[in-house]
Each structure stands twice: as C-alpha cells, then as structure tokens.
C-alpha cells in the first residue's frame, strides 16, 4: 500500500485538487471509524458527485485492511458497501492496467509504473474483500434493516464485476419505483408497486408527479428461468439474504409488458439498463 508519508499523495488527483489530507483522515478512522472524518473522507474526497478519482484507488486498500481486521460487523458491512459503490462507479475495465480515472484526471506527475502499482494494490484489496462475501451475506441475512440489503446486493454485484446490475440497484435503491425504457419508441415506462401488495404495475407517466391513475399489467416471469446471468445471480443472492421486497419485485422486473406508448411487447429487465 502507498505509505502514509509518501509524497505521491501530494500528486494524486481528487475532486478538489491533490490528496494530501487523505492519509490523516484514514489514520483517524482506523481508531474512530464512525466519525465526521469518515463522512468527509468517503463522500467528499474519495467519491464526489457519483465519481471516483485517482486518490480513491490509493485509499481503498487501507479501507479493506480496516474491514479485514475489525471485529465489528457494522464496520465490515459499511466498508463492503462503500467499496462496492466505489467499484460500481469505476470507469475502468478490469483488463486495463491503468484506470481510466488516471487518464481522465491525473496530471503528468506520476510515472506509469507507480500508477500500475497503485491499481494492482487496489485490485488485490478488492479481491480480498470479495472473499468475505459469504460472511457478508450471512450478516445481511441476520440483519434487522431490509434497506441495507439492497446496498449489500449492489456492492456484491459490483465486486463480482456486474456493474450494470449494481448501478441499477443503486439508482432504484428505495425499491418504490423503477424505470424501464421501450427499445422501439424510446419512451420511459414507470413501474410502481401496488400500495397494498408488492405487485408492480406500469404507468405511462410518473404516477406521483403526474397523478396518473391508469396502470398497465406486467406479465411476471420466474427470474431463475431467464437466460440472463445477471438477473439469475441477483435472484440467488436475494434469496440468500432474504430481501423480501426485492424478491417480490424481481418476477415483474423479469417480466414482459406492452409499451404504454407504442404497444410493442418489451422485456422489462433489458429496459432497466439504457
């Protein structure tokens, strides 16, 4: 890992310039994890406006080290989710040895081998965290709050390399609305659950903002019977952690309907990834 005293931190790009403050913040959360410093580190310096930066790659190995050493399930889950969000936002293809964020942001102050080594350390850390997935899923199953389960599933998908599924879950994190797009007429179709049951119906307009009352039927399908590996994987993970809301929604997300605008038969799942 990049030594805290290394001058490279002063050359790593972040959202506000270089990243000389990051080592001190990491050292702080090593001793006092749930603090204001953690919020500043994660959501101001490492992940800002849905974007990660070169400094994020250098910081993640330290976060994973905290996760692997902690005896606190809350800290382990928090870091798992956080690193999953970072990975879901990464623009980098796994076969590239230089992350695209360095190409996008980094000034020519670092040599290519230094950048490659930072990325190698990041990938090793992500692999180590991914090896904890079964323990994470067990903790999630035993957890009291269903809201966290969707973020855990998103992180799991991202760390397994299925970033499309991860970002879909993060986009629709509340589970009270989904938006699919018709491939024929390119119109958005809004999916909302029934107020009393977890049945999803389709609407031509957002029923909350437009007061729409007409709803269209979605023909549900078994997620485990589809030929989409991402959908199957998500369904299996949702079963493991007993995410009841998502399990109720997935047959409709795997289902079919006629477009509210052009009446073309469409598959809901494919339209969730425009």
C-alpha atoms as a PDB file:
ATOM      1  CA  UNK A   1       0.000   0.000   0.000  1.00  0.00           C
ATOM      2  CA  UNK A   2       1.032   3.576  -0.545  1.00  0.00           C
ATOM      3  CA  UNK A   3       2.874   4.714   2.572  1.00  0.00           C
ATOM      4  CA  UNK A   4       1.147   7.491   4.502  1.00  0.00           C
ATOM      5  CA  UNK A   5       4.372   9.519   4.395  1.00  0.00           C
ATOM      6  CA  UNK A   6       4.779   9.157   0.639  1.00  0.00           C
ATOM      7  CA  UNK A   7       4.950  12.339  -1.402  1.00  0.00           C
ATOM      8  CA  UNK A   8       2.764  10.616  -4.005  1.00  0.00           C
ATOM      9  CA  UNK A   9      -0.343  11.610  -2.032  1.00  0.00           C
ATOM     10  CA  UNK A  10       0.537  15.219  -2.858  1.00  0.00           C
ATOM     11  CA  UNK A  11       0.390  14.302  -6.548  1.00  0.00           C
ATOM     12  CA  UNK A  12      -2.785  12.195  -6.625  1.00  0.00           C
ATOM     13  CA  UNK A  13      -5.789  13.971  -8.067  1.00  0.00           C
ATOM     14  CA  UNK A  14      -9.034  14.255  -6.126  1.00  0.00           C
ATOM     15  CA  UNK A  15     -12.215  16.301  -6.554  1.00  0.00           C
ATOM     16  CA  UNK A  16     -10.629  19.435  -5.054  1.00  0.00           C
ATOM     17  CA  UNK A  17      -7.092  19.076  -6.313  1.00  0.00           C
ATOM     18  CA  UNK A  18      -4.424  16.910  -4.733  1.00  0.00           C
ATOM     19  CA  UNK A  19      -4.940  14.473  -1.883  1.00  0.00           C
ATOM     20  CA  UNK A  20      -2.526  15.390   0.890  1.00  0.00           C
ATOM     21  CA  UNK A  21      -5.314  15.334   3.539  1.00  0.00           C
ATOM     22  CA  UNK A  22      -6.333  11.752   2.885  1.00  0.00           C
ATOM     23  CA  UNK A  23      -3.625   9.936   4.925  1.00  0.00           C
ATOM     24  CA  UNK A  24      -4.559  11.830   8.107  1.00  0.00           C
ATOM     25  CA  UNK A  25      -8.253  11.060   7.625  1.00  0.00           C
ATOM     26  CA  UNK A  26      -7.563   7.360   7.052  1.00  0.00           C
ATOM     27  CA  UNK A  27      -5.443   7.247  10.198  1.00  0.00           C
ATOM     28  CA  UNK A  28      -8.271   8.878  12.127  1.00  0.00           C
ATOM     29  CA  UNK A  29     -10.919   6.347  11.075  1.00  0.00           C
ATOM     30  CA  UNK A  30      -8.540   3.494  11.889  1.00  0.00           C
ATOM     31  CA  UNK A  31      -9.137   4.462  15.535  1.00  0.00           C
ATOM     32  CA  UNK A  32     -12.551   6.158  15.372  1.00  0.00           C
ATOM     33  CA  UNK A  33     -14.404   4.716  12.401  1.00  0.00           C
ATOM     34  CA  UNK A  34     -17.905   6.182  12.691  1.00  0.00           C
ATOM     35  CA  UNK A  35     -16.949   9.835  12.802  1.00  0.00           C
ATOM     36  CA  UNK A  36     -17.353  13.029  10.827  1.00  0.00           C
ATOM     37  CA  UNK A  37     -13.923  12.364   9.346  1.00  0.00           C
ATOM     38  CA  UNK A  38     -15.217   9.188   7.730  1.00  0.00           C
ATOM     39  CA  UNK A  39     -18.055  11.085   6.072  1.00  0.00           C
ATOM     40  CA  UNK A  40     -15.643  13.703   4.767  1.00  0.00           C
ATOM     41  CA  UNK A  41     -13.179  11.093   3.533  1.00  0.00           C
ATOM     42  CA  UNK A  42     -15.731   8.898   1.778  1.00  0.00           C
ATOM     43  CA  UNK A  43     -18.283  11.307   0.373  1.00  0.00           C
ATOM     44  CA  UNK A  44     -16.213  14.428  -0.213  1.00  0.00           C
ATOM     45  CA  UNK A  45     -12.726  13.255  -1.136  1.00  0.00           C
ATOM     46  CA  UNK A  46     -12.953   9.669  -2.431  1.00  0.00           C
ATOM     47  CA  UNK A  47     -16.420   9.750  -4.000  1.00  0.00           C
ATOM     48  CA  UNK A  48     -17.851  13.070  -5.060  1.00  0.00           C
ATOM     49  CA  UNK A  49     -20.900  13.641  -7.254  1.00  0.00           C
ATOM     50  CA  UNK A  50     -21.071   9.945  -8.236  1.00  0.00           C
ATOM     51  CA  UNK A  51     -17.449   9.985  -9.334  1.00  0.00           C
ATOM     52  CA  UNK A  52     -14.263   8.366  -8.009  1.00  0.00           C
ATOM     53  CA  UNK A  53     -10.757   9.728  -8.524  1.00  0.00           C
ATOM     54  CA  UNK A  54      -7.141   8.555  -8.675  1.00  0.00           C
ATOM     55  CA  UNK A  55      -6.865   9.092  -4.901  1.00  0.00           C
ATOM     56  CA  UNK A  56      -9.711   6.593  -4.378  1.00  0.00           C
ATOM     57  CA  UNK A  57      -7.611   3.773  -5.794  1.00  0.00           C
ATOM     58  CA  UNK A  58      -4.800   4.536  -3.352  1.00  0.00           C
ATOM     59  CA  UNK A  59      -7.124   4.774  -0.324  1.00  0.00           C
ATOM     60  CA  UNK A  60      -9.222   1.619  -0.810  1.00  0.00           C
ATOM     61  CA  UNK A  61      -6.501  -0.864   0.295  1.00  0.00           C
ATOM     62  CA  UNK A  62      -6.447   0.864   3.685  1.00  0.00           C
ATOM     63  CA  UNK A  63     -10.237   0.670   3.969  1.00  0.00           C
ATOM     64  CA  UNK A  64     -10.172  -3.043   3.155  1.00  0.00           C
ATOM     65  CA  UNK A  65      -7.426  -3.538   5.745  1.00  0.00           C
ATOM     66  CA  UNK A  66      -9.721  -1.957   8.369  1.00  0.00           C
ATOM     67  CA  UNK A  67     -12.579  -4.238   7.244  1.00  0.00           C
ATOM     68  CA  UNK A  68     -10.472  -7.395   7.455  1.00  0.00           C
ATOM     69  CA  UNK A  69      -9.102  -6.558  10.913  1.00  0.00           C
ATOM     70  CA  UNK A  70     -12.254  -5.292  12.580  1.00  0.00           C
ATOM     71  CA  UNK A  71     -14.372  -7.302  14.997  1.00  0.00           C
ATOM     72  CA  UNK A  72     -17.344  -5.029  14.322  1.00  0.00           C
ATOM     73  CA  UNK A  73     -19.922  -6.368  11.832  1.00  0.00           C
ATOM     74  CA  UNK A  74     -21.186  -2.811  11.319  1.00  0.00           C
ATOM     75  CA  UNK A  75     -17.755  -1.617  10.183  1.00  0.00           C
ATOM     76  CA  UNK A  76     -17.293  -4.638   7.902  1.00  0.00           C
ATOM     77  CA  UNK A  77     -20.699  -4.097   6.276  1.00  0.00           C
ATOM     78  CA  UNK A  78     -20.142  -0.367   5.901  1.00  0.00           C
ATOM     79  CA  UNK A  79     -16.796  -0.802   4.161  1.00  0.00           C
ATOM     80  CA  UNK A  80     -18.152  -3.601   1.963  1.00  0.00           C
ATOM     81  CA  UNK A  81     -20.993  -1.352   0.787  1.00  0.00           C
ATOM     82  CA  UNK A  82     -18.737   1.686   0.401  1.00  0.00           C
ATOM     83  CA  UNK A  83     -16.090  -0.108  -1.656  1.00  0.00           C
ATOM     84  CA  UNK A  84     -18.855  -1.675  -3.741  1.00  0.00           C
ATOM     85  CA  UNK A  85     -20.214   1.787  -4.528  1.00  0.00           C
ATOM     86  CA  UNK A  86     -16.718   2.930  -5.481  1.00  0.00           C
ATOM     87  CA  UNK A  87     -16.230  -0.095  -7.738  1.00  0.00           C
ATOM     88  CA  UNK A  88     -19.652   0.377  -9.356  1.00  0.00           C
ATOM     89  CA  UNK A  89     -18.602   3.932 -10.235  1.00  0.00           C
ATOM     90  CA  UNK A  90     -15.232   2.912 -11.642  1.00  0.00           C
ATOM     91  CA  UNK A  91     -14.894   3.644 -15.329  1.00  0.00           C
ATOM     92  CA  UNK A  92     -12.143   1.092 -15.663  1.00  0.00           C
ATOM     93  CA  UNK A  93     -12.375  -2.206 -17.499  1.00  0.00           C
ATOM     94  CA  UNK A  94     -10.777  -4.992 -15.461  1.00  0.00           C
ATOM     95  CA  UNK A  95      -8.308  -5.879 -18.222  1.00  0.00           C
ATOM     96  CA  UNK A  96      -6.780  -2.385 -18.234  1.00  0.00           C
ATOM     97  CA  UNK A  97      -3.630  -1.897 -16.173  1.00  0.00           C
ATOM     98  CA  UNK A  98      -4.129   1.878 -15.849  1.00  0.00           C
ATOM     99  CA  UNK A  99      -7.525   3.041 -14.554  1.00  0.00           C
ATOM    100  CA  UNK A 100      -9.317   5.443 -16.847  1.00  0.00           C
ATOM    101  CA  UNK A 101      -9.713   7.884 -13.940  1.00  0.00           C
ATOM    102  CA  UNK A 102      -5.959   8.447 -14.097  1.00  0.00           C
ATOM    103  CA  UNK A 103      -6.217   9.141 -17.814  1.00  0.00           C
ATOM    104  CA  UNK A 104      -9.156  11.468 -17.165  1.00  0.00           C
ATOM    105  CA  UNK A 105      -7.822  13.435 -14.204  1.00  0.00           C
ATOM    106  CA  UNK A 106      -4.210  12.839 -13.411  1.00  0.00           C
ATOM    107  CA  UNK A 107      -1.619  15.444 -14.240  1.00  0.00           C
ATOM    108  CA  UNK A 108       1.644  14.016 -15.622  1.00  0.00           C
ATOM    109  CA  UNK A 109       3.313  13.993 -12.183  1.00  0.00           C
ATOM    110  CA  UNK A 110       3.267  10.221 -11.722  1.00  0.00           C
ATOM    111  CA  UNK A 111       5.065   7.660 -13.834  1.00  0.00           C
ATOM    112  CA  UNK A 112       3.129   4.789 -15.361  1.00  0.00           C
ATOM    113  CA  UNK A 113       4.670   2.124 -13.138  1.00  0.00           C
ATOM    114  CA  UNK A 114       3.600   3.981  -9.985  1.00  0.00           C
ATOM    115  CA  UNK A 115       0.046   4.190 -11.324  1.00  0.00           C
ATOM    116  CA  UNK A 116       0.071   0.492 -12.226  1.00  0.00           C
ATOM    117  CA  UNK A 117       1.266  -0.432  -8.740  1.00  0.00           C
ATOM    118  CA  UNK A 118      -1.487   1.655  -7.118  1.00  0.00           C
ATOM    119  CA  UNK A 119      -4.019  -0.144  -9.290  1.00  0.00           C
ATOM    120  CA  UNK A 120      -2.539  -3.584  -8.553  1.00  0.00           C
ATOM    121  CA  UNK A 121      -2.847  -2.886  -4.815  1.00  0.00           C
ATOM    122  CA  UNK A 122      -6.431  -1.762  -5.359  1.00  0.00           C
ATOM    123  CA  UNK A 123      -7.342  -4.939  -7.268  1.00  0.00           C
ATOM    124  CA  UNK A 124      -5.716  -7.119  -4.588  1.00  0.00           C
ATOM    125  CA  UNK A 125      -7.744  -5.313  -1.933  1.00  0.00           C
ATOM    126  CA  UNK A 126     -10.999  -5.704  -3.873  1.00  0.00           C
ATOM    127  CA  UNK A 127     -10.290  -9.426  -4.294  1.00  0.00           C
ATOM    128  CA  UNK A 128      -9.646  -9.784  -0.552  1.00  0.00           C
ATOM    129  CA  UNK A 129     -12.915  -8.021   0.209  1.00  0.00           C
ATOM    130  CA  UNK A 130     -14.809 -10.158  -2.297  1.00  0.00           C
ATOM    131  CA  UNK A 131     -13.550 -13.260  -0.497  1.00  0.00           C
ATOM    132  CA  UNK A 132     -15.592 -12.092   2.513  1.00  0.00           C
ATOM    133  CA  UNK A 133     -18.845 -12.145   0.532  1.00  0.00           C
ATOM    134  CA  UNK A 134     -20.314 -15.271   2.122  1.00  0.00           C
ATOM    135  CA  UNK A 135     -19.741 -13.835   5.592  1.00  0.00           C
ATOM    136  CA  UNK A 136     -21.241 -10.536   4.453  1.00  0.00           C
ATOM    137  CA  UNK A 137     -24.341 -12.228   3.066  1.00  0.00           C
ATOM    138  CA  UNK A 138     -24.771 -14.136   6.318  1.00  0.00           C
ATOM    139  CA  UNK A 139     -24.579 -10.884   8.287  1.00  0.00           C
ATOM    140  CA  UNK A 140     -27.082  -9.309   5.907  1.00  0.00           C
ATOM    141  CA  UNK A 141     -29.497 -12.194   6.352  1.00  0.00           C
ATOM    142  CA  UNK A 142     -29.330 -11.796  10.122  1.00  0.00           C
ATOM    143  CA  UNK A 143     -29.682  -8.010   9.914  1.00  0.00           C
ATOM    144  CA  UNK A 144     -32.690  -6.098  11.092  1.00  0.00           C
ATOM    145  CA  UNK A 145     -32.936  -3.494   8.339  1.00  0.00           C
ATOM    146  CA  UNK A 146     -34.060  -4.570   4.867  1.00  0.00           C
ATOM    147  CA  UNK A 147     -32.994  -1.195   3.445  1.00  0.00           C
ATOM    148  CA  UNK A 148     -29.324  -2.132   3.852  1.00  0.00           C
ATOM    149  CA  UNK A 149     -29.809  -5.383   1.940  1.00  0.00           C
ATOM    150  CA  UNK A 150     -30.235  -3.661  -1.409  1.00  0.00           C
ATOM    151  CA  UNK A 151     -26.953  -1.790  -0.939  1.00  0.00           C
ATOM    152  CA  UNK A 152     -25.235  -5.039   0.028  1.00  0.00           C
ATOM    153  CA  UNK A 153     -26.584  -6.702  -3.122  1.00  0.00           C
ATOM    154  CA  UNK A 154     -25.414  -3.727  -5.192  1.00  0.00           C
ATOM    155  CA  UNK A 155     -21.948  -3.924  -3.660  1.00  0.00           C
ATOM    156  CA  UNK A 156     -21.818  -7.672  -4.205  1.00  0.00           C
ATOM    157  CA  UNK A 157     -22.760  -7.247  -7.877  1.00  0.00           C
ATOM    158  CA  UNK A 158     -20.147  -4.523  -8.390  1.00  0.00           C
ATOM    159  CA  UNK A 159     -17.373  -6.508  -6.710  1.00  0.00           C
ATOM    160  CA  UNK A 160     -18.257  -9.534  -8.850  1.00  0.00           C
ATOM    161  CA  UNK A 161     -17.909  -7.352 -11.947  1.00  0.00           C
ATOM    162  CA  UNK A 162     -21.619  -6.926 -12.751  1.00  0.00           C
ATOM    163  CA  UNK A 163     -21.638  -3.137 -12.645  1.00  0.00           C
ATOM    164  CA  UNK A 164     -24.846  -2.753 -14.654  1.00  0.00           C
ATOM    165  CA  UNK A 165     -26.845  -4.634 -12.033  1.00  0.00           C
ATOM    166  CA  UNK A 166     -25.046  -2.776  -9.240  1.00  0.00           C
ATOM    167  CA  UNK A 167     -25.858   0.622 -10.685  1.00  0.00           C
ATOM    168  CA  UNK A 168     -29.472  -0.367 -11.350  1.00  0.00           C
ATOM    169  CA  UNK A 169     -29.868  -1.290  -7.685  1.00  0.00           C
ATOM    170  CA  UNK A 170     -28.197   1.930  -6.578  1.00  0.00           C
ATOM    171  CA  UNK A 171     -30.346   4.003  -8.927  1.00  0.00           C
ATOM    172  CA  UNK A 172     -33.556   2.429  -7.623  1.00  0.00           C
ATOM    173  CA  UNK A 173     -32.274   1.931  -4.082  1.00  0.00           C
ATOM    174  CA  UNK A 174     -35.603   2.672  -2.373  1.00  0.00           C
ATOM    175  CA  UNK A 175     -37.408  -0.052  -4.341  1.00  0.00           C
ATOM    176  CA  UNK A 176     -40.513   2.111  -4.655  1.00  0.00           C
ATOM    177  CA  UNK A 177     -40.022   2.962  -8.336  1.00  0.00           C
ATOM    178  CA  UNK A 178     -38.210   1.553 -11.369  1.00  0.00           C
ATOM    179  CA  UNK A 179     -37.941   2.998 -14.844  1.00  0.00           C
ATOM    180  CA  UNK A 180     -37.630   0.828 -17.943  1.00  0.00           C
ATOM    181  CA  UNK A 181     -37.262   2.122 -21.494  1.00  0.00           C
ATOM    182  CA  UNK A 182     -39.029   0.846 -24.611  1.00  0.00           C
ATOM    183  CA  UNK A 183     -36.424  -0.075 -27.268  1.00  0.00           C
ATOM    184  CA  UNK A 184     -38.875   0.754 -30.063  1.00  0.00           C
ATOM    185  CA  UNK A 185     -40.133   4.241 -29.189  1.00  0.00           C
ATOM    186  CA  UNK A 186     -37.505   5.113 -26.527  1.00  0.00           C
ATOM    187  CA  UNK A 187     -40.183   6.154 -24.051  1.00  0.00           C
ATOM    188  CA  UNK A 188     -39.714   5.713 -20.318  1.00  0.00           C
ATOM    189  CA  UNK A 189     -42.175   3.433 -18.532  1.00  0.00           C
ATOM    190  CA  UNK A 190     -42.611   3.879 -14.787  1.00  0.00           C
ATOM    191  CA  UNK A 191     -43.020   0.833 -12.579  1.00  0.00           C
ATOM    192  CA  UNK A 192     -44.564   1.240  -9.149  1.00  0.00           C
ATOM    193  CA  UNK A 193     -45.713  -1.311  -6.573  1.00  0.00           C
ATOM    194  CA  UNK A 194     -49.337  -1.555  -5.571  1.00  0.00           C
ATOM    195  CA  UNK A 195     -49.975   0.226  -2.274  1.00  0.00           C
ATOM    196  CA  UNK A 196     -51.190  -2.915  -0.509  1.00  0.00           C
ATOM    197  CA  UNK A 197     -49.195  -5.632  -2.295  1.00  0.00           C
ATOM    198  CA  UNK A 198     -45.709  -5.959  -3.769  1.00  0.00           C
ATOM    199  CA  UNK A 199     -47.136  -6.254  -7.298  1.00  0.00           C
ATOM    200  CA  UNK A 200     -45.532  -3.914  -9.843  1.00  0.00           C
ATOM    201  CA  UNK A 201     -47.674  -2.097 -12.389  1.00  0.00           C
ATOM    202  CA  UNK A 202     -46.564   0.030 -15.349  1.00  0.00           C
ATOM    203  CA  UNK A 203     -47.503   3.671 -15.947  1.00  0.00           C
ATOM    204  CA  UNK A 204     -47.006   5.918 -18.960  1.00  0.00           C
ATOM    205  CA  UNK A 205     -46.070   8.826 -16.675  1.00  0.00           C
ATOM    206  CA  UNK A 206     -44.732   9.009 -13.166  1.00  0.00           C
ATOM    207  CA  UNK A 207     -47.941   8.450 -11.146  1.00  0.00           C
ATOM    208  CA  UNK A 208     -46.706  10.527  -8.211  1.00  0.00           C
ATOM    209  CA  UNK A 209     -45.739  13.704 -10.059  1.00  0.00           C
ATOM    210  CA  UNK A 210     -48.462  13.439 -12.747  1.00  0.00           C
ATOM    211  CA  UNK A 211     -51.292  11.940 -10.697  1.00  0.00           C
ATOM    212  CA  UNK A 212     -51.668   9.165 -13.280  1.00  0.00           C
ATOM    213  CA  UNK A 213     -54.270   6.559 -12.408  1.00  0.00           C
ATOM    214  CA  UNK A 214     -54.255   4.251 -15.450  1.00  0.00           C
ATOM    215  CA  UNK A 215     -51.919   1.354 -14.911  1.00  0.00           C
ATOM    216  CA  UNK A 216     -50.802  -1.450 -17.196  1.00  0.00           C
ATOM    217  CA  UNK A 217     -50.292  -5.106 -16.369  1.00  0.00           C
ATOM    218  CA  UNK A 218     -46.842  -6.674 -16.257  1.00  0.00           C
ATOM    219  CA  UNK A 219     -46.727 -10.389 -17.009  1.00  0.00           C
ATOM    220  CA  UNK A 220     -44.410 -11.799 -14.358  1.00  0.00           C
ATOM    221  CA  UNK A 221     -41.722 -14.404 -15.087  1.00  0.00           C
ATOM    222  CA  UNK A 222     -39.589 -16.583 -12.841  1.00  0.00           C
ATOM    223  CA  UNK A 223     -36.165 -14.882 -12.527  1.00  0.00           C
ATOM    224  CA  UNK A 224     -34.380 -18.213 -12.213  1.00  0.00           C
ATOM    225  CA  UNK A 225     -35.824 -19.369 -15.535  1.00  0.00           C
ATOM    226  CA  UNK A 226     -34.428 -16.495 -17.598  1.00  0.00           C
ATOM    227  CA  UNK A 227     -31.256 -16.702 -19.661  1.00  0.00           C
ATOM    228  CA  UNK A 228     -29.798 -13.529 -18.143  1.00  0.00           C
ATOM    229  CA  UNK A 229     -26.893 -14.388 -15.811  1.00  0.00           C
ATOM    230  CA  UNK A 230     -27.028 -11.015 -14.065  1.00  0.00           C
ATOM    231  CA  UNK A 231     -30.695 -11.427 -13.228  1.00  0.00           C
ATOM    232  CA  UNK A 232     -30.199 -15.034 -12.114  1.00  0.00           C
ATOM    233  CA  UNK A 233     -27.259 -14.068  -9.923  1.00  0.00           C
ATOM    234  CA  UNK A 234     -29.178 -11.232  -8.303  1.00  0.00           C
ATOM    235  CA  UNK A 235     -32.145 -13.526  -7.634  1.00  0.00           C
ATOM    236  CA  UNK A 236     -29.936 -16.153  -5.993  1.00  0.00           C
ATOM    237  CA  UNK A 237     -28.229 -13.548  -3.790  1.00  0.00           C
ATOM    238  CA  UNK A 238     -31.590 -12.019  -2.845  1.00  0.00           C
ATOM    239  CA  UNK A 239     -32.739 -15.476  -1.751  1.00  0.00           C
ATOM    240  CA  UNK A 240     -29.642 -15.923   0.393  1.00  0.00           C
ATOM    241  CA  UNK A 241     -30.109 -12.666   2.308  1.00  0.00           C
ATOM    242  CA  UNK A 242     -33.918 -12.869   2.251  1.00  0.00           C
ATOM    243  CA  UNK A 243     -34.546  -9.463   0.705  1.00  0.00           C
ATOM    244  CA  UNK A 244     -38.319  -9.875   0.696  1.00  0.00           C
ATOM    245  CA  UNK A 245     -39.129  -6.667  -1.158  1.00  0.00           C
ATOM    246  CA  UNK A 246     -36.700  -7.328  -3.987  1.00  0.00           C
ATOM    247  CA  UNK A 247     -37.772 -10.974  -4.222  1.00  0.00           C
ATOM    248  CA  UNK A 248     -41.361  -9.779  -4.665  1.00  0.00           C
ATOM    249  CA  UNK A 249     -40.322  -7.318  -7.381  1.00  0.00           C
ATOM    250  CA  UNK A 250     -37.940  -9.497  -9.382  1.00  0.00           C
ATOM    251  CA  UNK A 251     -40.624 -11.609 -11.144  1.00  0.00           C
ATOM    252  CA  UNK A 252     -42.021  -8.360 -12.568  1.00  0.00           C
ATOM    253  CA  UNK A 253     -38.570  -6.978 -13.423  1.00  0.00           C
ATOM    254  CA  UNK A 254     -38.009 -10.293 -15.230  1.00  0.00           C
ATOM    255  CA  UNK A 255     -41.394  -9.997 -16.893  1.00  0.00           C
ATOM    256  CA  UNK A 256     -42.949  -8.588 -20.039  1.00  0.00           C
ATOM    257  CA  UNK A 257     -45.467  -5.889 -20.902  1.00  0.00           C
ATOM    258  CA  UNK A 258     -46.765  -3.957 -23.848  1.00  0.00           C
ATOM    259  CA  UNK A 259     -45.282  -0.476 -24.083  1.00  0.00           C
ATOM    260  CA  UNK A 260     -47.707   2.124 -22.720  1.00  0.00           C
ATOM    261  CA  UNK A 261     -46.883   4.416 -25.669  1.00  0.00           C
ATOM    262  CA  UNK A 262     -46.469   2.220 -28.762  1.00  0.00           C
ATOM    263  CA  UNK A 263     -47.943  -1.103 -27.558  1.00  0.00           C
ATOM    264  CA  UNK A 264     -44.811  -3.040 -28.547  1.00  0.00           C
ATOM    265  CA  UNK A 265     -44.108  -6.120 -26.382  1.00  0.00           C
ATOM    266  CA  UNK A 266     -40.968  -5.461 -24.331  1.00  0.00           C
ATOM    267  CA  UNK A 267     -38.861  -7.207 -21.710  1.00  0.00           C
ATOM    268  CA  UNK A 268     -38.739  -5.119 -18.552  1.00  0.00           C
ATOM    269  CA  UNK A 269     -35.252  -6.206 -17.419  1.00  0.00           C
ATOM    270  CA  UNK A 270     -33.458  -5.169 -20.594  1.00  0.00           C
ATOM    271  CA  UNK A 271     -35.002  -1.717 -20.480  1.00  0.00           C
ATOM    272  CA  UNK A 272     -33.631  -1.048 -16.999  1.00  0.00           C
ATOM    273  CA  UNK A 273     -30.140  -0.596 -18.499  1.00  0.00           C
ATOM    274  CA  UNK A 274     -30.412   2.210 -21.072  1.00  0.00           C
END
